[in-house]
Amino acid sequence: MQIADLQQRVLELTRGIEHPRVGAALALAEECGEVMRCVLDGEYYGKAIHESLADEVGDVLIALVELCDRYGIALQDSAHLAVKKLERKTPVWREELGERLQMLRARMDGPLEESGQSED
């Protein structure tokens, strides 16, 4: 599904039951909190989270779509601009942070199965 199609479909499904603008922002924050709860459950408590994390990430996406709609922002345009910005910034980040982040990933990220994140 294309981003613009997703935004249109969410708009169609939620017509008449949209949050006020501030409510849409708060709903996005709430859904982000639920993603963080999944990460906490997996990384610290060893729970299997793959399915619940995927579900919550979907909820974040829908909440983001609603927020964009409430403020008249085309999410597809925002995504395009974000990628362009990322193209400019990543060479600098790679130079400044690449080695450190690689070391941190090696130290902090174990295999998903070992941290309880596999639901097999």
C-alpha atoms as a PDB file:
ATOM      1  CA  MET A   1       0.000   0.000   0.000  1.00  0.00           C
ATOM      2  CA  GLN A   2       1.297   3.436  -0.921  1.00  0.00           C
ATOM      3  CA  ILE A   3       1.544   6.048   1.821  1.00  0.00           C
ATOM      4  CA  ALA A   4      -1.018   8.334   0.173  1.00  0.00           C
ATOM      5  CA  ASP A   5      -3.419   5.388  -0.180  1.00  0.00           C
ATOM      6  CA  LEU A   6      -2.951   4.524   3.491  1.00  0.00           C
ATOM      7  CA  GLN A   7      -3.662   8.097   4.521  1.00  0.00           C
ATOM      8  CA  GLN A   8      -6.807   8.175   2.375  1.00  0.00           C
ATOM      9  CA  ARG A   9      -8.045   4.821   3.730  1.00  0.00           C
ATOM     10  CA  VAL A  10      -7.536   5.877   7.364  1.00  0.00           C
ATOM     11  CA  LEU A  11      -9.364   9.130   6.612  1.00  0.00           C
ATOM     12  CA  GLU A  12     -12.274   7.172   5.138  1.00  0.00           C
ATOM     13  CA  LEU A  13     -12.440   4.761   8.080  1.00  0.00           C
ATOM     14  CA  THR A  14     -12.289   7.450  10.748  1.00  0.00           C
ATOM     15  CA  ARG A  15     -14.510  10.083   9.122  1.00  0.00           C
ATOM     16  CA  GLY A  16     -16.826  11.432  11.816  1.00  0.00           C
ATOM     17  CA  ILE A  17     -14.805  10.001  14.701  1.00  0.00           C
ATOM     18  CA  GLU A  18     -11.552  11.939  14.284  1.00  0.00           C
ATOM     19  CA  HIS A  19      -9.738  13.137  17.365  1.00  0.00           C
ATOM     20  CA  PRO A  20      -9.370  16.882  17.839  1.00  0.00           C
ATOM     21  CA  ARG A  21      -5.840  17.930  16.805  1.00  0.00           C
ATOM     22  CA  VAL A  22      -4.407  17.768  20.305  1.00  0.00           C
ATOM     23  CA  GLY A  23      -6.120  14.417  20.853  1.00  0.00           C
ATOM     24  CA  ALA A  24      -4.474  13.057  17.722  1.00  0.00           C
ATOM     25  CA  ALA A  25      -1.076  14.146  19.066  1.00  0.00           C
ATOM     26  CA  LEU A  26      -1.796  12.567  22.438  1.00  0.00           C
ATOM     27  CA  ALA A  27      -2.992   9.356  20.773  1.00  0.00           C
ATOM     28  CA  LEU A  28       0.311   9.171  18.877  1.00  0.00           C
ATOM     29  CA  ALA A  29       2.245   9.633  22.117  1.00  0.00           C
ATOM     30  CA  GLU A  30       0.162   6.920  23.783  1.00  0.00           C
ATOM     31  CA  GLU A  31       0.850   4.478  20.963  1.00  0.00           C
ATOM     32  CA  CYS A  32       4.578   5.291  21.094  1.00  0.00           C
ATOM     33  CA  GLY A  33       4.448   4.486  24.803  1.00  0.00           C
ATOM     34  CA  GLU A  34       2.954   1.100  23.992  1.00  0.00           C
ATOM     35  CA  VAL A  35       5.837   0.417  21.589  1.00  0.00           C
ATOM     36  CA  MET A  36       8.261   1.290  24.375  1.00  0.00           C
ATOM     37  CA  ARG A  37       6.409  -1.073  26.710  1.00  0.00           C
ATOM     38  CA  CYS A  38       6.933  -3.891  24.197  1.00  0.00           C
ATOM     39  CA  VAL A  39      10.641  -3.082  23.961  1.00  0.00           C
ATOM     40  CA  LEU A  40      10.901  -3.050  27.759  1.00  0.00           C
ATOM     41  CA  ASP A  41       9.091  -6.384  27.981  1.00  0.00           C
ATOM     42  CA  GLY A  42      11.412  -7.947  25.423  1.00  0.00           C
ATOM     43  CA  GLU A  43      14.733  -6.408  26.381  1.00  0.00           C
ATOM     44  CA  TYR A  44      14.413  -6.440  30.165  1.00  0.00           C
ATOM     45  CA  TYR A  45      11.834  -9.068  31.021  1.00  0.00           C
ATOM     46  CA  GLY A  46      12.632 -11.613  28.322  1.00  0.00           C
ATOM     47  CA  LYS A  47       9.105 -11.782  26.966  1.00  0.00           C
ATOM     48  CA  ALA A  48       8.322 -12.754  23.392  1.00  0.00           C
ATOM     49  CA  ILE A  49       7.240  -9.491  21.766  1.00  0.00           C
ATOM     50  CA  HIS A  50       7.514  -9.836  18.005  1.00  0.00           C
ATOM     51  CA  GLU A  51       3.776 -10.080  17.396  1.00  0.00           C
ATOM     52  CA  SER A  52       2.753  -7.431  19.925  1.00  0.00           C
ATOM     53  CA  LEU A  53       5.506  -5.065  18.767  1.00  0.00           C
ATOM     54  CA  ALA A  54       4.397  -5.412  15.151  1.00  0.00           C
ATOM     55  CA  ASP A  55       0.815  -4.676  16.242  1.00  0.00           C
ATOM     56  CA  GLU A  56       1.808  -1.590  18.228  1.00  0.00           C
ATOM     57  CA  VAL A  57       4.023  -0.264  15.424  1.00  0.00           C
ATOM     58  CA  GLY A  58       0.954  -0.481  13.192  1.00  0.00           C
ATOM     59  CA  ASP A  59      -1.022   1.504  15.752  1.00  0.00           C
ATOM     60  CA  VAL A  60       1.713   4.173  15.780  1.00  0.00           C
ATOM     61  CA  LEU A  61       1.505   4.387  12.010  1.00  0.00           C
ATOM     62  CA  ILE A  62      -2.271   4.856  12.083  1.00  0.00           C
ATOM     63  CA  ALA A  63      -1.990   7.482  14.834  1.00  0.00           C
ATOM     64  CA  LEU A  64       0.671   9.315  12.813  1.00  0.00           C
ATOM     65  CA  VAL A  65      -1.567   9.239   9.743  1.00  0.00           C
ATOM     66  CA  GLU A  66      -4.422  10.732  11.761  1.00  0.00           C
ATOM     67  CA  LEU A  67      -2.190  13.446  13.198  1.00  0.00           C
ATOM     68  CA  CYS A  68      -1.006  14.387   9.721  1.00  0.00           C
ATOM     69  CA  ASP A  69      -4.574  14.495   8.475  1.00  0.00           C
ATOM     70  CA  ARG A  70      -5.725  16.682  11.355  1.00  0.00           C
ATOM     71  CA  TYR A  71      -2.987  19.208  10.490  1.00  0.00           C
ATOM     72  CA  GLY A  72      -3.387  18.966   6.714  1.00  0.00           C
ATOM     73  CA  ILE A  73      -0.029  17.300   6.146  1.00  0.00           C
ATOM     74  CA  ALA A  74       0.461  14.791   3.347  1.00  0.00           C
ATOM     75  CA  LEU A  75       2.444  12.019   5.016  1.00  0.00           C
ATOM     76  CA  GLN A  76       3.905  10.986   1.662  1.00  0.00           C
ATOM     77  CA  ASP A  77       5.378  14.486   1.194  1.00  0.00           C
ATOM     78  CA  SER A  78       6.766  14.428   4.731  1.00  0.00           C
ATOM     79  CA  ALA A  79       8.338  11.022   4.105  1.00  0.00           C
ATOM     80  CA  HIS A  80       9.947  12.288   0.900  1.00  0.00           C
ATOM     81  CA  LEU A  81      11.383  15.343   2.683  1.00  0.00           C
ATOM     82  CA  ALA A  82      12.621  13.174   5.556  1.00  0.00           C
ATOM     83  CA  VAL A  83      14.479  10.863   3.175  1.00  0.00           C
ATOM     84  CA  LYS A  84      16.078  13.856   1.437  1.00  0.00           C
ATOM     85  CA  LYS A  85      17.182  15.199   4.831  1.00  0.00           C
ATOM     86  CA  LEU A  86      18.508  11.765   5.774  1.00  0.00           C
ATOM     87  CA  GLU A  87      20.511  11.616   2.532  1.00  0.00           C
ATOM     88  CA  ARG A  88      22.230  14.868   3.533  1.00  0.00           C
ATOM     89  CA  LYS A  89      22.851  13.938   7.160  1.00  0.00           C
ATOM     90  CA  THR A  90      23.862  10.278   7.080  1.00  0.00           C
ATOM     91  CA  PRO A  91      27.354  10.815   5.651  1.00  0.00           C
ATOM     92  CA  VAL A  92      28.163  13.126   8.567  1.00  0.00           C
ATOM     93  CA  TRP A  93      26.570  10.778  11.103  1.00  0.00           C
ATOM     94  CA  ARG A  94      28.418   7.815   9.612  1.00  0.00           C
ATOM     95  CA  GLU A  95      31.719   9.669   9.987  1.00  0.00           C
ATOM     96  CA  GLU A  96      31.009  11.021  13.472  1.00  0.00           C
ATOM     97  CA  LEU A  97      28.999   8.186  15.017  1.00  0.00           C
ATOM     98  CA  GLY A  98      29.420   5.056  12.921  1.00  0.00           C
ATOM     99  CA  GLU A  99      32.220   3.428  14.874  1.00  0.00           C
ATOM    100  CA  ARG A 100      30.659   4.197  18.252  1.00  0.00           C
ATOM    101  CA  LEU A 101      27.231   2.947  17.215  1.00  0.00           C
ATOM    102  CA  GLN A 102      28.737  -0.237  15.828  1.00  0.00           C
ATOM    103  CA  MET A 103      30.453  -0.829  19.176  1.00  0.00           C
ATOM    104  CA  LEU A 104      27.229  -0.098  21.078  1.00  0.00           C
ATOM    105  CA  ARG A 105      25.193  -2.458  18.882  1.00  0.00           C
ATOM    106  CA  ALA A 106      27.744  -5.220  19.458  1.00  0.00           C
ATOM    107  CA  ARG A 107      27.613  -4.635  23.206  1.00  0.00           C
ATOM    108  CA  MET A 108      23.884  -4.060  23.664  1.00  0.00           C
ATOM    109  CA  ASP A 109      22.077  -6.013  20.928  1.00  0.00           C
ATOM    110  CA  GLY A 110      22.160  -9.741  21.300  1.00  0.00           C
ATOM    111  CA  PRO A 111      20.392 -12.079  18.933  1.00  0.00           C
ATOM    112  CA  LEU A 112      16.616 -11.647  19.114  1.00  0.00           C
ATOM    113  CA  GLU A 113      16.145 -15.235  20.272  1.00  0.00           C
ATOM    114  CA  GLU A 114      18.459 -14.722  23.251  1.00  0.00           C
ATOM    115  CA  SER A 115      16.622 -11.635  24.456  1.00  0.00           C
ATOM    116  CA  GLY A 116      13.253 -13.373  24.482  1.00  0.00           C
ATOM    117  CA  GLN A 117      11.991 -11.598  21.393  1.00  0.00           C
ATOM    118  CA  SER A 118      11.378 -14.672  19.273  1.00  0.00           C
ATOM    119  CA  GLU A 119       7.928 -16.164  19.483  1.00  0.00           C
ATOM    120  CA  ASP A 120       8.907 -19.493  17.897  1.00  0.00           C
END
